[in-house]
Amino acid sequence: MTSPATTAESASNDGQLSLKRFSNLTLKLDTPKGRGVFSTVDIARGTVIDISPVLILEPEDKALESKQLYNYTYNWPYSEGETGKTTMRQAVILGLGSMFNHSNFAQNVGFTRDPSKLVIVYTALRDIKAGEELCISYGSRLAFRDADEDKYLSDPEEGNDLLSKIELDD
């Protein structure tokens, strides 16, 4: 199993940030979800998968009128110049981030926004097996149906496994 890579904090020195990308990934062009990112080797929990630069879009940007582009943007906290007021803007992720598919049930990659460096860091949330698709969660307000829903809600074995991972507070 491949060991965890460097974190974003340690990757920065002298005003530069190394843009890390885990090397053993492939983009499959025809999956049930469309294109998707898959691993060709086992990945250890905590491994940095990708550090991607971010392009912040202006609210009046005509690019946001394109539904196709908008579907690939992230909400991004943006600090207004003199006022310091933080507002949400749309951001285009210029790395693998725009290629990760969604799953509420099989999410294995998490992400952290770094507004000060205008990057987003993707990290393995658990051990990932070779051949497995790398998925993030887009959140609960989806404009589409979760493609994994039927598999995890209708398959008793998958459902039991999912329920066994839920921890309840006493």
C-alpha atoms as a PDB file:
ATOM      1  CA  MET A   1       0.000   0.000   0.000  1.00  0.00           C
ATOM      2  CA  THR A   2       1.291   3.429  -0.902  1.00  0.00           C
ATOM      3  CA  SER A   3       2.043   5.584   2.134  1.00  0.00           C
ATOM      4  CA  PRO A   4       0.594   9.055   2.783  1.00  0.00           C
ATOM      5  CA  ALA A   5       2.154  11.927   0.866  1.00  0.00           C
ATOM      6  CA  THR A   6       3.096  15.354   2.174  1.00  0.00           C
ATOM      7  CA  THR A   7       0.356  17.609   3.520  1.00  0.00           C
ATOM      8  CA  ALA A   8      -0.376  21.043   2.071  1.00  0.00           C
ATOM      9  CA  GLU A   9       1.169  22.834   5.074  1.00  0.00           C
ATOM     10  CA  SER A  10       4.530  21.146   4.686  1.00  0.00           C
ATOM     11  CA  ALA A  11       4.457  21.524   0.902  1.00  0.00           C
ATOM     12  CA  SER A  12       4.650  25.311   1.118  1.00  0.00           C
ATOM     13  CA  ASN A  13       7.999  27.085   1.341  1.00  0.00           C
ATOM     14  CA  ASP A  14       9.391  30.404   0.144  1.00  0.00           C
ATOM     15  CA  GLY A  15       5.993  31.628  -1.068  1.00  0.00           C
ATOM     16  CA  GLN A  16       5.556  28.588  -3.312  1.00  0.00           C
ATOM     17  CA  LEU A  17       3.267  25.616  -3.052  1.00  0.00           C
ATOM     18  CA  SER A  18       4.077  22.264  -4.591  1.00  0.00           C
ATOM     19  CA  LEU A  19       1.120  21.054  -6.598  1.00  0.00           C
ATOM     20  CA  LYS A  20       1.033  17.392  -5.624  1.00  0.00           C
ATOM     21  CA  ARG A  21      -0.827  14.723  -7.520  1.00  0.00           C
ATOM     22  CA  PHE A  22      -0.885  11.060  -6.621  1.00  0.00           C
ATOM     23  CA  SER A  23       0.693   9.396  -9.652  1.00  0.00           C
ATOM     24  CA  ASN A  24      -1.195   6.105  -9.904  1.00  0.00           C
ATOM     25  CA  LEU A  25      -4.554   7.434 -11.100  1.00  0.00           C
ATOM     26  CA  THR A  26      -6.463   7.010 -14.315  1.00  0.00           C
ATOM     27  CA  LEU A  27      -9.431   8.853 -15.810  1.00  0.00           C
ATOM     28  CA  LYS A  28     -12.001   6.423 -17.154  1.00  0.00           C
ATOM     29  CA  LEU A  29     -14.088   8.048 -19.852  1.00  0.00           C
ATOM     30  CA  ASP A  30     -17.182   5.840 -19.801  1.00  0.00           C
ATOM     31  CA  THR A  31     -18.570   4.862 -16.394  1.00  0.00           C
ATOM     32  CA  PRO A  32     -22.207   4.803 -15.202  1.00  0.00           C
ATOM     33  CA  LYS A  33     -21.535   8.291 -13.761  1.00  0.00           C
ATOM     34  CA  GLY A  34     -19.705   9.630 -16.841  1.00  0.00           C
ATOM     35  CA  ARG A  35     -15.970  10.224 -16.533  1.00  0.00           C
ATOM     36  CA  GLY A  36     -14.372   9.140 -13.268  1.00  0.00           C
ATOM     37  CA  VAL A  37     -11.027   9.003 -11.452  1.00  0.00           C
ATOM     38  CA  PHE A  38      -9.795   5.529 -10.468  1.00  0.00           C
ATOM     39  CA  SER A  39      -6.726   4.287  -8.621  1.00  0.00           C
ATOM     40  CA  THR A  40      -4.417   1.705 -10.185  1.00  0.00           C
ATOM     41  CA  VAL A  41      -2.795   0.848  -6.816  1.00  0.00           C
ATOM     42  CA  ASP A  42      -3.915   0.669  -3.184  1.00  0.00           C
ATOM     43  CA  ILE A  43      -3.898   4.101  -1.493  1.00  0.00           C
ATOM     44  CA  ALA A  44      -3.445   4.495   2.277  1.00  0.00           C
ATOM     45  CA  ARG A  45      -5.834   6.575   4.363  1.00  0.00           C
ATOM     46  CA  GLY A  46      -4.527  10.147   4.720  1.00  0.00           C
ATOM     47  CA  THR A  47      -2.675  10.200   1.395  1.00  0.00           C
ATOM     48  CA  VAL A  48      -2.853  13.505  -0.464  1.00  0.00           C
ATOM     49  CA  ILE A  49      -4.501  12.698  -3.804  1.00  0.00           C
ATOM     50  CA  ASP A  50      -4.295  16.142  -5.408  1.00  0.00           C
ATOM     51  CA  ILE A  51      -3.528  19.764  -4.586  1.00  0.00           C
ATOM     52  CA  SER A  52      -5.380  21.835  -7.162  1.00  0.00           C
ATOM     53  CA  PRO A  53      -5.241  25.572  -7.845  1.00  0.00           C
ATOM     54  CA  VAL A  54      -8.538  27.451  -7.856  1.00  0.00           C
ATOM     55  CA  LEU A  55      -9.874  30.131 -10.190  1.00  0.00           C
ATOM     56  CA  ILE A  56     -12.391  32.417  -8.438  1.00  0.00           C
ATOM     57  CA  LEU A  57     -15.169  33.659 -10.724  1.00  0.00           C
ATOM     58  CA  GLU A  58     -16.655  37.123 -10.399  1.00  0.00           C
ATOM     59  CA  PRO A  59     -20.404  37.124  -9.581  1.00  0.00           C
ATOM     60  CA  GLU A  60     -21.184  38.947 -12.833  1.00  0.00           C
ATOM     61  CA  ASP A  61     -19.045  36.556 -14.905  1.00  0.00           C
ATOM     62  CA  LYS A  62     -20.949  35.377 -17.988  1.00  0.00           C
ATOM     63  CA  ALA A  63     -19.255  31.959 -17.655  1.00  0.00           C
ATOM     64  CA  LEU A  64     -21.644  31.220 -14.774  1.00  0.00           C
ATOM     65  CA  GLU A  65     -24.553  31.357 -17.236  1.00  0.00           C
ATOM     66  CA  SER A  66     -23.258  28.117 -18.743  1.00  0.00           C
ATOM     67  CA  LYS A  67     -25.027  25.311 -16.884  1.00  0.00           C
ATOM     68  CA  GLN A  68     -22.318  22.914 -18.001  1.00  0.00           C
ATOM     69  CA  LEU A  69     -19.521  24.976 -16.413  1.00  0.00           C
ATOM     70  CA  TYR A  70     -21.607  25.831 -13.341  1.00  0.00           C
ATOM     71  CA  ASN A  71     -22.044  22.093 -12.628  1.00  0.00           C
ATOM     72  CA  TYR A  72     -18.267  21.857 -12.203  1.00  0.00           C
ATOM     73  CA  THR A  73     -17.810  24.805  -9.840  1.00  0.00           C
ATOM     74  CA  TYR A  74     -17.452  24.776  -6.056  1.00  0.00           C
ATOM     75  CA  ASN A  75     -18.723  27.265  -3.507  1.00  0.00           C
ATOM     76  CA  TRP A  76     -15.682  29.194  -2.301  1.00  0.00           C
ATOM     77  CA  PRO A  77     -15.292  31.622   0.633  1.00  0.00           C
ATOM     78  CA  TYR A  78     -13.988  34.906  -0.733  1.00  0.00           C
ATOM     79  CA  SER A  79     -12.728  37.777   1.415  1.00  0.00           C
ATOM     80  CA  GLU A  80     -13.637  41.206   0.032  1.00  0.00           C
ATOM     81  CA  GLY A  81     -10.621  43.532  -0.191  1.00  0.00           C
ATOM     82  CA  GLU A  82     -10.957  46.546   2.129  1.00  0.00           C
ATOM     83  CA  THR A  83     -13.979  45.378   4.119  1.00  0.00           C
ATOM     84  CA  GLY A  84     -12.665  41.883   4.859  1.00  0.00           C
ATOM     85  CA  LYS A  85     -16.259  40.662   4.549  1.00  0.00           C
ATOM     86  CA  THR A  86     -16.426  37.011   3.474  1.00  0.00           C
ATOM     87  CA  THR A  87     -18.901  36.100   0.745  1.00  0.00           C
ATOM     88  CA  MET A  88     -19.399  32.936  -1.242  1.00  0.00           C
ATOM     89  CA  ARG A  89     -18.269  32.886  -4.865  1.00  0.00           C
ATOM     90  CA  GLN A  90     -18.081  30.141  -7.452  1.00  0.00           C
ATOM     91  CA  ALA A  91     -14.658  28.639  -8.176  1.00  0.00           C
ATOM     92  CA  VAL A  92     -13.349  26.428 -10.933  1.00  0.00           C
ATOM     93  CA  ILE A  93     -10.945  23.777  -9.680  1.00  0.00           C
ATOM     94  CA  LEU A  94      -8.013  23.469 -12.084  1.00  0.00           C
ATOM     95  CA  GLY A  95      -7.003  19.937 -11.176  1.00  0.00           C
ATOM     96  CA  LEU A  96      -8.616  16.575 -10.619  1.00  0.00           C
ATOM     97  CA  GLY A  97     -11.274  18.082  -8.364  1.00  0.00           C
ATOM     98  CA  SER A  98     -13.655  18.688 -11.230  1.00  0.00           C
ATOM     99  CA  MET A  99     -13.355  15.044 -12.283  1.00  0.00           C
ATOM    100  CA  PHE A 100     -14.230  13.355  -8.969  1.00  0.00           C
ATOM    101  CA  ASN A 101     -17.737  11.913  -9.027  1.00  0.00           C
ATOM    102  CA  HIS A 102     -20.192  12.130  -6.138  1.00  0.00           C
ATOM    103  CA  SER A 103     -21.182   9.443  -3.680  1.00  0.00           C
ATOM    104  CA  ASN A 104     -22.885   9.781  -0.309  1.00  0.00           C
ATOM    105  CA  PHE A 105     -22.452   6.046   0.200  1.00  0.00           C
ATOM    106  CA  ALA A 106     -18.959   5.280  -1.119  1.00  0.00           C
ATOM    107  CA  GLN A 107     -17.155   8.576  -0.515  1.00  0.00           C
ATOM    108  CA  ASN A 108     -13.465   7.840  -0.068  1.00  0.00           C
ATOM    109  CA  VAL A 109     -11.898  11.256  -0.736  1.00  0.00           C
ATOM    110  CA  GLY A 110     -12.383  14.421   1.306  1.00  0.00           C
ATOM    111  CA  PHE A 111     -11.289  17.938   0.518  1.00  0.00           C
ATOM    112  CA  THR A 112     -10.113  21.024   2.365  1.00  0.00           C
ATOM    113  CA  ARG A 113     -10.275  24.509   0.902  1.00  0.00           C
ATOM    114  CA  ASP A 114      -7.274  26.755   1.528  1.00  0.00           C
ATOM    115  CA  PRO A 115      -8.560  30.277   0.692  1.00  0.00           C
ATOM    116  CA  SER A 116      -5.257  31.941   1.585  1.00  0.00           C
ATOM    117  CA  LYS A 117      -3.354  29.900  -1.032  1.00  0.00           C
ATOM    118  CA  LEU A 118      -6.271  29.530  -3.483  1.00  0.00           C
ATOM    119  CA  VAL A 119      -5.914  25.758  -3.565  1.00  0.00           C
ATOM    120  CA  ILE A 120      -7.997  22.768  -2.592  1.00  0.00           C
ATOM    121  CA  VAL A 121      -6.413  19.642  -1.091  1.00  0.00           C
ATOM    122  CA  TYR A 122      -7.965  16.205  -1.698  1.00  0.00           C
ATOM    123  CA  THR A 123      -7.093  13.437   0.771  1.00  0.00           C
ATOM    124  CA  ALA A 124      -7.989   9.741   1.069  1.00  0.00           C
ATOM    125  CA  LEU A 125     -10.560   9.369   3.883  1.00  0.00           C
ATOM    126  CA  ARG A 126      -9.924   5.630   4.172  1.00  0.00           C
ATOM    127  CA  ASP A 127      -7.776   2.968   2.541  1.00  0.00           C
ATOM    128  CA  ILE A 128      -8.687   2.767  -1.154  1.00  0.00           C
ATOM    129  CA  LYS A 129      -8.237  -0.457  -3.133  1.00  0.00           C
ATOM    130  CA  ALA A 130      -6.678  -0.619  -6.599  1.00  0.00           C
ATOM    131  CA  GLY A 131      -9.400  -0.299  -9.244  1.00  0.00           C
ATOM    132  CA  GLU A 132     -11.735   1.646  -6.951  1.00  0.00           C
ATOM    133  CA  GLU A 133     -13.296   4.918  -8.091  1.00  0.00           C
ATOM    134  CA  LEU A 134     -12.321   7.994  -6.098  1.00  0.00           C
ATOM    135  CA  CYS A 135     -15.482   9.832  -5.012  1.00  0.00           C
ATOM    136  CA  ILE A 136     -16.220  12.953  -2.989  1.00  0.00           C
ATOM    137  CA  SER A 137     -19.509  14.168  -1.548  1.00  0.00           C
ATOM    138  CA  TYR A 138     -21.095  17.123  -3.327  1.00  0.00           C
ATOM    139  CA  GLY A 139     -23.344  17.667  -0.293  1.00  0.00           C
ATOM    140  CA  SER A 140     -27.028  16.982   0.226  1.00  0.00           C
ATOM    141  CA  ARG A 141     -28.576  19.408  -2.285  1.00  0.00           C
ATOM    142  CA  LEU A 142     -28.080  17.510  -5.511  1.00  0.00           C
ATOM    143  CA  ALA A 143     -29.535  18.401  -8.900  1.00  0.00           C
ATOM    144  CA  PHE A 144     -29.397  14.688  -9.773  1.00  0.00           C
ATOM    145  CA  ARG A 145     -30.021  11.309  -8.156  1.00  0.00           C
ATOM    146  CA  ASP A 146     -27.057   9.660  -6.395  1.00  0.00           C
ATOM    147  CA  ALA A 147     -26.030   6.821  -8.751  1.00  0.00           C
ATOM    148  CA  ASP A 148     -24.904   4.693  -5.780  1.00  0.00           C
ATOM    149  CA  GLU A 149     -28.226   4.979  -3.942  1.00  0.00           C
ATOM    150  CA  ASP A 150     -29.853   1.870  -5.418  1.00  0.00           C
ATOM    151  CA  LYS A 151     -26.788  -0.298  -4.813  1.00  0.00           C
ATOM    152  CA  TYR A 152     -26.418   0.662  -1.161  1.00  0.00           C
ATOM    153  CA  LEU A 153     -30.086   0.902  -0.221  1.00  0.00           C
ATOM    154  CA  SER A 154     -31.340  -2.218  -2.035  1.00  0.00           C
ATOM    155  CA  ASP A 155     -28.441  -4.634  -1.452  1.00  0.00           C
ATOM    156  CA  PRO A 156     -28.882  -6.103   2.064  1.00  0.00           C
ATOM    157  CA  GLU A 157     -25.171  -6.885   2.387  1.00  0.00           C
ATOM    158  CA  GLU A 158     -24.103  -3.373   1.371  1.00  0.00           C
ATOM    159  CA  GLY A 159     -26.808  -1.805   3.541  1.00  0.00           C
ATOM    160  CA  ASN A 160     -25.812  -3.801   6.596  1.00  0.00           C
ATOM    161  CA  ASP A 161     -22.194  -2.821   6.102  1.00  0.00           C
ATOM    162  CA  LEU A 162     -23.199   0.840   5.823  1.00  0.00           C
ATOM    163  CA  LEU A 163     -25.335   0.669   8.975  1.00  0.00           C
ATOM    164  CA  SER A 164     -22.530  -0.991  10.920  1.00  0.00           C
ATOM    165  CA  LYS A 165     -20.301   2.053  10.277  1.00  0.00           C
ATOM    166  CA  ILE A 166     -22.720   4.519  11.881  1.00  0.00           C
ATOM    167  CA  GLU A 167     -21.768   5.477  15.413  1.00  0.00           C
ATOM    168  CA  LEU A 168     -24.484   6.542  17.829  1.00  0.00           C
ATOM    169  CA  ASP A 169     -23.951   8.802  20.810  1.00  0.00           C
ATOM    170  CA  ASP A 170     -25.029   7.435  24.178  1.00  0.00           C
END
